[in-house]
Amino acid sequence: MTDNESTHDGWPAEYRDPRDRPHPETLRITVEPFEQAREETLAAARTTEDGESTPAVVSFASIDDLRKILTERRIELLRLLIAIDGAAESISALADALDRDYRPVHDDVGVLDQYGLIFVVDEGQTKRPYVPYRRVHLDVELAGQADETDRVVASG
């Protein structure tokens, strides 16, 4: 592979290691329909082209989807990685720091990596969980739609 070819995940070869990739300071996690997430991503790309910094965004289609992925244990794992400057020496070291068994931590790392919330850096036999963000912002809007039932409850 030459220097200007892409890796299997679409990044140029020079960014094969996710630690070498440019990352914003904040990861924004949202719950919004695909079309809305797409439009916001395109708008963020235009803003970035203009030189402004925007957060990375991972969107889920529903609150239920978000809750399945961001369990209390996985949030605890994210918090710990952020607190230790984004990287653990290994999944085993991360499990020890969390005072949890290796297998569930390994599984949680895999899920968070699959959804783009963390990265896993392969260093020989060792897999190092890595979070390039200094903060994670959850952006979940709860809005209701008024109908006849709402008016009855509100006036009742």
N, C-alpha and C. Protein backbone atom coordinates (compact mmCIF):
# COMPACT_ATOMS: atom_id res chain seq x y z
N MET A 1 0.86 -1.18 0.00
CA MET A 1 0.00 0.00 0.00
C MET A 1 0.90 1.23 0.00
N THR A 2 0.62 2.16 -0.89
CA THR A 2 1.38 3.41 -0.93
C THR A 2 0.83 4.37 0.10
N ASP A 3 1.56 5.45 0.35
CA ASP A 3 1.17 6.42 1.38
C ASP A 3 -0.18 7.07 1.11
N ASN A 4 -0.57 7.20 -0.15
CA ASN A 4 -1.82 7.90 -0.42
C ASN A 4 -3.00 6.95 -0.63
N GLU A 5 -2.81 5.66 -0.42
CA GLU A 5 -3.93 4.73 -0.49
C GLU A 5 -4.71 4.77 0.81
N SER A 6 -5.95 4.28 0.76
CA SER A 6 -6.80 4.28 1.95
C SER A 6 -6.70 2.96 2.71
N THR A 7 -6.97 3.02 4.00
CA THR A 7 -7.06 1.82 4.81
C THR A 7 -8.42 1.19 4.59
N HIS A 8 -8.65 0.03 5.21
CA HIS A 8 -9.92 -0.67 5.03
C HIS A 8 -11.11 0.14 5.54
N ASP A 9 -10.87 1.10 6.43
CA ASP A 9 -11.98 1.90 6.97
C ASP A 9 -12.12 3.26 6.29
N GLY A 10 -11.41 3.46 5.18
CA GLY A 10 -11.57 4.68 4.40
C GLY A 10 -10.59 5.79 4.75
N TRP A 11 -9.83 5.67 5.83
CA TRP A 11 -8.86 6.69 6.19
C TRP A 11 -7.60 6.51 5.34
N PRO A 12 -6.91 7.61 5.01
CA PRO A 12 -5.62 7.48 4.31
C PRO A 12 -4.65 6.67 5.17
N ALA A 13 -3.70 6.02 4.53
CA ALA A 13 -2.75 5.15 5.23
C ALA A 13 -2.02 5.87 6.36
N GLU A 14 -1.75 7.16 6.19
CA GLU A 14 -1.05 7.90 7.24
C GLU A 14 -1.86 7.98 8.53
N TYR A 15 -3.17 7.72 8.44
CA TYR A 15 -4.04 7.75 9.61
C TYR A 15 -4.51 6.35 10.00
N ARG A 16 -3.76 5.33 9.62
CA ARG A 16 -4.11 3.95 9.95
C ARG A 16 -4.34 3.81 11.46
N ASP A 17 -3.47 4.42 12.23
CA ASP A 17 -3.61 4.42 13.69
C ASP A 17 -4.56 5.56 14.07
N PRO A 18 -5.70 5.25 14.74
CA PRO A 18 -6.65 6.32 15.05
C PRO A 18 -6.08 7.43 15.93
N ARG A 19 -4.99 7.16 16.63
CA ARG A 19 -4.37 8.21 17.46
C ARG A 19 -3.73 9.29 16.60
N ASP A 20 -3.46 8.99 15.32
CA ASP A 20 -2.85 9.97 14.42
C ASP A 20 -3.89 10.79 13.66
N ARG A 21 -5.16 10.44 13.80
CA ARG A 21 -6.23 11.12 13.07
C ARG A 21 -6.62 12.42 13.77
N PRO A 22 -7.04 13.39 12.99
CA PRO A 22 -7.55 14.62 13.63
C PRO A 22 -8.90 14.35 14.27
N HIS A 23 -9.06 14.75 15.51
CA HIS A 23 -10.32 14.56 16.24
C HIS A 23 -10.69 15.85 16.94
N PRO A 24 -11.98 16.18 16.97
CA PRO A 24 -12.41 17.34 17.76
C PRO A 24 -12.33 17.01 19.25
N GLU A 25 -12.47 18.02 20.07
CA GLU A 25 -12.39 17.84 21.51
C GLU A 25 -13.63 17.15 22.08
N THR A 26 -14.76 17.29 21.40
CA THR A 26 -16.03 16.80 21.93
C THR A 26 -16.67 15.79 20.98
N LEU A 27 -17.24 14.75 21.57
CA LEU A 27 -18.09 13.81 20.86
C LEU A 27 -19.51 14.10 21.27
N ARG A 28 -20.37 14.35 20.30
CA ARG A 28 -21.78 14.63 20.56
C ARG A 28 -22.58 13.39 20.15
N ILE A 29 -23.35 12.86 21.09
CA ILE A 29 -24.20 11.70 20.83
C ILE A 29 -25.64 12.19 20.81
N THR A 30 -26.33 11.91 19.70
CA THR A 30 -27.68 12.42 19.52
C THR A 30 -28.67 11.29 19.27
N VAL A 31 -29.93 11.62 19.43
CA VAL A 31 -31.03 10.76 19.03
C VAL A 31 -31.85 11.56 18.04
N GLU A 32 -31.80 11.15 16.78
CA GLU A 32 -32.53 11.87 15.76
C GLU A 32 -32.71 10.97 14.54
N PRO A 33 -33.74 11.24 13.76
CA PRO A 33 -33.97 10.44 12.55
C PRO A 33 -32.77 10.54 11.60
N PHE A 34 -32.60 9.53 10.78
CA PHE A 34 -31.46 9.47 9.85
C PHE A 34 -31.34 10.73 9.00
N GLU A 35 -32.43 11.18 8.41
CA GLU A 35 -32.39 12.33 7.52
C GLU A 35 -31.88 13.58 8.24
N GLN A 36 -32.34 13.78 9.47
CA GLN A 36 -31.89 14.94 10.26
C GLN A 36 -30.41 14.80 10.59
N ALA A 37 -29.98 13.60 10.99
CA ALA A 37 -28.56 13.37 11.30
C ALA A 37 -27.70 13.62 10.06
N ARG A 38 -28.18 13.18 8.91
CA ARG A 38 -27.46 13.38 7.65
C ARG A 38 -27.30 14.86 7.34
N GLU A 39 -28.38 15.61 7.48
CA GLU A 39 -28.33 17.05 7.19
C GLU A 39 -27.37 17.76 8.15
N GLU A 40 -27.41 17.40 9.43
CA GLU A 40 -26.52 18.04 10.40
C GLU A 40 -25.06 17.68 10.14
N THR A 41 -24.82 16.44 9.68
CA THR A 41 -23.46 16.03 9.35
C THR A 41 -22.94 16.82 8.16
N LEU A 42 -23.77 17.00 7.15
CA LEU A 42 -23.36 17.79 5.98
C LEU A 42 -23.10 19.24 6.37
N ALA A 43 -23.94 19.80 7.24
CA ALA A 43 -23.73 21.17 7.70
C ALA A 43 -22.43 21.28 8.49
N ALA A 44 -22.14 20.27 9.33
CA ALA A 44 -20.90 20.28 10.11
C ALA A 44 -19.69 20.19 9.18
N ALA A 45 -19.80 19.40 8.12
CA ALA A 45 -18.70 19.29 7.16
C ALA A 45 -18.44 20.64 6.48
N ARG A 46 -19.50 21.35 6.14
CA ARG A 46 -19.33 22.68 5.53
C ARG A 46 -18.68 23.64 6.52
N THR A 47 -19.07 23.55 7.78
CA THR A 47 -18.49 24.42 8.81
C THR A 47 -17.00 24.12 8.97
N THR A 48 -16.66 22.82 8.95
CA THR A 48 -15.26 22.43 9.09
C THR A 48 -14.44 22.94 7.91
N GLU A 49 -15.03 22.89 6.71
CA GLU A 49 -14.34 23.43 5.54
C GLU A 49 -14.05 24.92 5.71
N ASP A 50 -14.90 25.62 6.45
CA ASP A 50 -14.71 27.05 6.69
C ASP A 50 -13.72 27.31 7.83
N GLY A 51 -13.16 26.24 8.41
CA GLY A 51 -12.16 26.38 9.45
C GLY A 51 -12.70 26.40 10.87
N GLU A 52 -13.99 26.23 11.05
CA GLU A 52 -14.57 26.21 12.40
C GLU A 52 -14.49 24.80 12.97
N SER A 53 -14.33 24.70 14.28
CA SER A 53 -14.28 23.40 14.94
C SER A 53 -15.70 22.95 15.30
N THR A 54 -16.01 21.72 14.98
CA THR A 54 -17.31 21.16 15.33
C THR A 54 -17.08 19.82 16.01
N PRO A 55 -18.02 19.39 16.85
CA PRO A 55 -17.84 18.10 17.50
C PRO A 55 -18.03 16.94 16.53
N ALA A 56 -17.46 15.81 16.88
CA ALA A 56 -17.79 14.57 16.17
C ALA A 56 -19.19 14.20 16.60
N VAL A 57 -19.95 13.56 15.74
CA VAL A 57 -21.34 13.22 16.07
C VAL A 57 -21.60 11.75 15.78
N VAL A 58 -22.22 11.08 16.74
CA VAL A 58 -22.74 9.74 16.56
C VAL A 58 -24.22 9.82 16.88
N SER A 59 -25.06 9.41 15.93
CA SER A 59 -26.51 9.52 16.12
C SER A 59 -27.16 8.15 16.19
N PHE A 60 -28.18 8.07 17.02
CA PHE A 60 -29.01 6.88 17.15
C PHE A 60 -30.41 7.23 16.72
N ALA A 61 -31.12 6.25 16.16
CA ALA A 61 -32.46 6.48 15.63
C ALA A 61 -33.50 6.66 16.73
N SER A 62 -33.26 6.07 17.89
CA SER A 62 -34.25 6.16 18.97
C SER A 62 -33.56 6.15 20.33
N ILE A 63 -34.28 6.61 21.33
CA ILE A 63 -33.75 6.57 22.69
C ILE A 63 -33.51 5.13 23.12
N ASP A 64 -34.38 4.22 22.68
CA ASP A 64 -34.21 2.80 23.00
C ASP A 64 -32.88 2.28 22.44
N ASP A 65 -32.55 2.64 21.20
CA ASP A 65 -31.28 2.23 20.61
C ASP A 65 -30.11 2.78 21.41
N LEU A 66 -30.19 4.04 21.79
CA LEU A 66 -29.14 4.68 22.58
C LEU A 66 -28.96 3.95 23.92
N ARG A 67 -30.06 3.64 24.59
CA ARG A 67 -29.99 2.99 25.90
C ARG A 67 -29.42 1.58 25.81
N LYS A 68 -29.64 0.90 24.70
CA LYS A 68 -29.07 -0.44 24.52
C LYS A 68 -27.55 -0.38 24.40
N ILE A 69 -27.05 0.68 23.81
CA ILE A 69 -25.61 0.81 23.60
C ILE A 69 -24.93 1.49 24.79
N LEU A 70 -25.50 2.57 25.28
CA LEU A 70 -24.88 3.31 26.39
C LEU A 70 -25.45 2.87 27.74
N THR A 71 -25.06 1.68 28.15
CA THR A 71 -25.46 1.18 29.46
C THR A 71 -24.63 1.89 30.53
N GLU A 72 -25.02 1.73 31.77
CA GLU A 72 -24.26 2.34 32.88
C GLU A 72 -22.81 1.87 32.87
N ARG A 73 -22.57 0.59 32.63
CA ARG A 73 -21.21 0.06 32.61
C ARG A 73 -20.38 0.65 31.48
N ARG A 74 -20.99 0.84 30.32
CA ARG A 74 -20.26 1.40 29.19
C ARG A 74 -19.98 2.88 29.39
N ILE A 75 -20.90 3.58 30.02
CA ILE A 75 -20.66 4.98 30.36
C ILE A 75 -19.51 5.07 31.36
N GLU A 76 -19.49 4.19 32.34
CA GLU A 76 -18.40 4.13 33.31
C GLU A 76 -17.06 3.90 32.59
N LEU A 77 -17.06 3.01 31.62
CA LEU A 77 -15.86 2.72 30.84
C LEU A 77 -15.40 3.97 30.07
N LEU A 78 -16.33 4.65 29.41
CA LEU A 78 -16.00 5.89 28.69
C LEU A 78 -15.42 6.95 29.64
N ARG A 79 -16.07 7.12 30.77
CA ARG A 79 -15.59 8.11 31.75
C ARG A 79 -14.16 7.82 32.19
N LEU A 80 -13.88 6.55 32.46
CA LEU A 80 -12.55 6.18 32.89
C LEU A 80 -11.52 6.47 31.80
N LEU A 81 -11.84 6.09 30.56
CA LEU A 81 -10.89 6.37 29.47
C LEU A 81 -10.64 7.86 29.31
N ILE A 82 -11.67 8.67 29.41
CA ILE A 82 -11.48 10.12 29.31
C ILE A 82 -10.62 10.61 30.47
N ALA A 83 -10.85 10.08 31.66
CA ALA A 83 -10.10 10.51 32.85
C ALA A 83 -8.62 10.15 32.77
N ILE A 84 -8.29 9.08 32.06
CA ILE A 84 -6.88 8.68 31.95
C ILE A 84 -6.29 9.12 30.60
N ASP A 85 -6.70 10.28 30.16
CA ASP A 85 -6.20 10.89 28.93
C ASP A 85 -6.46 10.05 27.69
N GLY A 86 -7.55 9.30 27.71
CA GLY A 86 -8.04 8.66 26.50
C GLY A 86 -7.57 7.28 26.17
N ALA A 87 -6.54 6.76 26.81
CA ALA A 87 -6.03 5.46 26.40
C ALA A 87 -5.72 4.57 27.59
N ALA A 88 -6.05 3.30 27.43
CA ALA A 88 -5.68 2.28 28.42
C ALA A 88 -4.56 1.45 27.82
N GLU A 89 -3.73 0.88 28.66
CA GLU A 89 -2.63 0.04 28.18
C GLU A 89 -3.14 -1.21 27.48
N SER A 90 -4.28 -1.71 27.93
CA SER A 90 -4.86 -2.91 27.35
C SER A 90 -6.29 -3.06 27.88
N ILE A 91 -7.02 -3.97 27.30
CA ILE A 91 -8.37 -4.25 27.81
C ILE A 91 -8.27 -4.86 29.20
N SER A 92 -7.25 -5.69 29.43
CA SER A 92 -7.05 -6.27 30.77
C SER A 92 -6.81 -5.18 31.81
N ALA A 93 -5.97 -4.21 31.48
CA ALA A 93 -5.69 -3.11 32.41
C ALA A 93 -6.95 -2.30 32.65
N LEU A 94 -7.75 -2.10 31.61
CA LEU A 94 -9.01 -1.38 31.75
C LEU A 94 -9.97 -2.15 32.66
N ALA A 95 -10.06 -3.46 32.48
CA ALA A 95 -10.91 -4.30 33.34
C ALA A 95 -10.46 -4.21 34.79
N ASP A 96 -9.16 -4.25 35.01
CA ASP A 96 -8.64 -4.13 36.38
C ASP A 96 -9.00 -2.78 36.98
N ALA A 97 -8.83 -1.72 36.21
CA ALA A 97 -9.13 -0.37 36.71
C ALA A 97 -10.62 -0.21 37.02
N LEU A 98 -11.47 -0.91 36.27
CA LEU A 98 -12.91 -0.86 36.50
C LEU A 98 -13.37 -1.86 37.55
N ASP A 99 -12.44 -2.72 38.00
CA ASP A 99 -12.76 -3.79 38.96
C ASP A 99 -13.87 -4.70 38.40
N ARG A 100 -13.69 -5.07 37.12
CA ARG A 100 -14.64 -5.93 36.43
C ARG A 100 -13.89 -7.09 35.79
N ASP A 101 -14.61 -8.14 35.44
CA ASP A 101 -14.03 -9.27 34.73
C ASP A 101 -13.65 -8.86 33.32
N TYR A 102 -12.64 -9.52 32.79
CA TYR A 102 -12.12 -9.20 31.46
C TYR A 102 -13.18 -9.34 30.36
N ARG A 103 -13.87 -10.46 30.31
CA ARG A 103 -14.78 -10.76 29.19
C ARG A 103 -15.87 -9.70 29.01
N PRO A 104 -16.61 -9.29 30.06
CA PRO A 104 -17.62 -8.25 29.83
C PRO A 104 -17.01 -6.91 29.40
N VAL A 105 -15.83 -6.57 29.90
CA VAL A 105 -15.16 -5.33 29.48
C VAL A 105 -14.74 -5.45 28.02
N HIS A 106 -14.21 -6.59 27.63
CA HIS A 106 -13.84 -6.84 26.24
C HIS A 106 -15.07 -6.67 25.33
N ASP A 107 -16.19 -7.25 25.75
CA ASP A 107 -17.43 -7.13 24.97
C ASP A 107 -17.90 -5.68 24.88
N ASP A 108 -17.84 -4.95 26.01
CA ASP A 108 -18.25 -3.54 26.01
C ASP A 108 -17.35 -2.70 25.10
N VAL A 109 -16.05 -2.96 25.14
CA VAL A 109 -15.11 -2.25 24.25
C VAL A 109 -15.48 -2.53 22.80
N GLY A 110 -15.80 -3.77 22.48
CA GLY A 110 -16.19 -4.13 21.11
C GLY A 110 -17.43 -3.39 20.64
N VAL A 111 -18.44 -3.29 21.51
CA VAL A 111 -19.68 -2.59 21.15
C VAL A 111 -19.41 -1.10 20.96
N LEU A 112 -18.70 -0.49 21.89
CA LEU A 112 -18.41 0.94 21.78
C LEU A 112 -17.56 1.25 20.55
N ASP A 113 -16.65 0.36 20.21
CA ASP A 113 -15.83 0.50 19.00
C ASP A 113 -16.70 0.37 17.75
N GLN A 114 -17.58 -0.61 17.74
CA GLN A 114 -18.47 -0.84 16.60
C GLN A 114 -19.32 0.38 16.29
N TYR A 115 -19.75 1.10 17.31
CA TYR A 115 -20.60 2.27 17.12
C TYR A 115 -19.82 3.58 17.01
N GLY A 116 -18.49 3.50 16.99
CA GLY A 116 -17.68 4.70 16.78
C GLY A 116 -17.55 5.59 18.00
N LEU A 117 -17.83 5.05 19.19
CA LEU A 117 -17.71 5.84 20.41
C LEU A 117 -16.30 5.78 20.99
N ILE A 118 -15.58 4.72 20.68
CA ILE A 118 -14.17 4.59 21.03
C ILE A 118 -13.46 3.94 19.84
N PHE A 119 -12.15 3.87 19.92
CA PHE A 119 -11.34 3.19 18.92
C PHE A 119 -10.52 2.13 19.65
N VAL A 120 -10.14 1.11 18.92
CA VAL A 120 -9.26 0.08 19.46
C VAL A 120 -8.01 0.06 18.61
N VAL A 121 -6.87 0.26 19.26
CA VAL A 121 -5.58 0.28 18.57
C VAL A 121 -4.93 -1.08 18.78
N ASP A 122 -4.59 -1.76 17.69
CA ASP A 122 -3.91 -3.05 17.77
C ASP A 122 -2.42 -2.82 17.84
N GLU A 123 -1.82 -3.31 18.91
CA GLU A 123 -0.36 -3.25 19.07
C GLU A 123 0.12 -4.66 19.35
N GLY A 124 0.40 -5.40 18.27
CA GLY A 124 0.79 -6.80 18.43
C GLY A 124 -0.38 -7.60 18.97
N GLN A 125 -0.17 -8.27 20.07
CA GLN A 125 -1.22 -9.06 20.71
C GLN A 125 -2.12 -8.21 21.60
N THR A 126 -1.74 -6.98 21.84
CA THR A 126 -2.48 -6.11 22.75
C THR A 126 -3.44 -5.22 21.98
N LYS A 127 -4.65 -5.11 22.52
CA LYS A 127 -5.65 -4.18 21.98
C LYS A 127 -5.82 -3.07 23.01
N ARG A 128 -5.57 -1.82 22.56
CA ARG A 128 -5.64 -0.68 23.46
C ARG A 128 -6.89 0.15 23.17
N PRO A 129 -7.84 0.20 24.10
CA PRO A 129 -9.00 1.08 23.93
C PRO A 129 -8.55 2.54 23.98
N TYR A 130 -9.13 3.34 23.10
CA TYR A 130 -8.69 4.72 22.95
C TYR A 130 -9.89 5.62 22.69
N VAL A 131 -9.98 6.73 23.44
CA VAL A 131 -11.00 7.76 23.25
C VAL A 131 -10.27 9.08 22.99
N PRO A 132 -10.43 9.65 21.81
CA PRO A 132 -9.70 10.89 21.51
C PRO A 132 -10.37 12.15 22.03
N TYR A 133 -11.54 12.01 22.63
CA TYR A 133 -12.33 13.18 23.03
C TYR A 133 -12.08 13.52 24.50
N ARG A 134 -12.17 14.80 24.81
CA ARG A 134 -12.04 15.25 26.20
C ARG A 134 -13.38 15.21 26.92
N ARG A 135 -14.45 15.24 26.12
CA ARG A 135 -15.79 15.16 26.72
C ARG A 135 -16.75 14.53 25.74
N VAL A 136 -17.80 13.95 26.30
CA VAL A 136 -18.88 13.37 25.51
C VAL A 136 -20.16 14.07 25.93
N HIS A 137 -20.87 14.60 24.95
CA HIS A 137 -22.09 15.35 25.21
C HIS A 137 -23.27 14.55 24.67
N LEU A 138 -24.21 14.20 25.56
CA LEU A 138 -25.43 13.52 25.15
C LEU A 138 -26.47 14.57 24.82
N ASP A 139 -27.02 14.51 23.63
CA ASP A 139 -27.99 15.49 23.18
C ASP A 139 -29.28 14.75 22.81
N VAL A 140 -30.17 14.63 23.80
CA VAL A 140 -31.43 13.92 23.59
C VAL A 140 -32.56 14.89 23.86
N GLU A 141 -33.33 15.16 22.84
CA GLU A 141 -34.44 16.09 22.98
C GLU A 141 -35.73 15.30 23.19
N LEU A 142 -36.46 15.67 24.23
CA LEU A 142 -37.76 15.08 24.49
C LEU A 142 -38.82 16.12 24.17
N ALA A 143 -39.60 15.84 23.19
CA ALA A 143 -40.65 16.78 22.80
C ALA A 143 -41.91 15.98 22.52
N GLY A 144 -43.01 16.47 23.02
CA GLY A 144 -44.26 15.78 22.79
C GLY A 144 -45.07 16.47 21.72
N GLN A 145 -46.01 15.76 21.22
CA GLN A 145 -46.93 16.33 20.25
C GLN A 145 -48.29 16.42 20.91
N ALA A 146 -48.90 17.57 20.83
CA ALA A 146 -50.20 17.77 21.46
C ALA A 146 -51.27 17.03 20.68
N ASP A 147 -52.11 16.33 21.40
CA ASP A 147 -53.29 15.72 20.79
C ASP A 147 -54.44 15.85 21.79
N GLU A 148 -55.58 15.28 21.50
CA GLU A 148 -56.75 15.41 22.38
C GLU A 148 -56.47 14.90 23.79
N THR A 149 -55.72 13.80 23.93
CA THR A 149 -55.42 13.24 25.25
C THR A 149 -54.61 14.23 26.07
N ASP A 150 -53.63 14.88 25.45
CA ASP A 150 -52.81 15.86 26.16
C ASP A 150 -53.65 17.00 26.71
N ARG A 151 -54.61 17.48 25.94
CA ARG A 151 -55.44 18.61 26.39
C ARG A 151 -56.30 18.19 27.58
N VAL A 152 -56.80 16.97 27.56
CA VAL A 152 -57.62 16.48 28.66
C VAL A 152 -56.78 16.37 29.93
N VAL A 153 -55.57 15.81 29.82
CA VAL A 153 -54.68 15.66 30.97
C VAL A 153 -54.28 17.03 31.49
N ALA A 154 -53.97 17.96 30.61
CA ALA A 154 -53.50 19.29 31.01
C ALA A 154 -54.61 20.09 31.69
N SER A 155 -55.85 19.92 31.26
CA SER A 155 -56.92 20.70 31.85
C SER A 155 -57.57 20.00 33.04
N GLY A 156 -57.31 18.72 33.20
CA GLY A 156 -57.97 17.89 34.18
C GLY A 156 -57.63 18.14 35.56
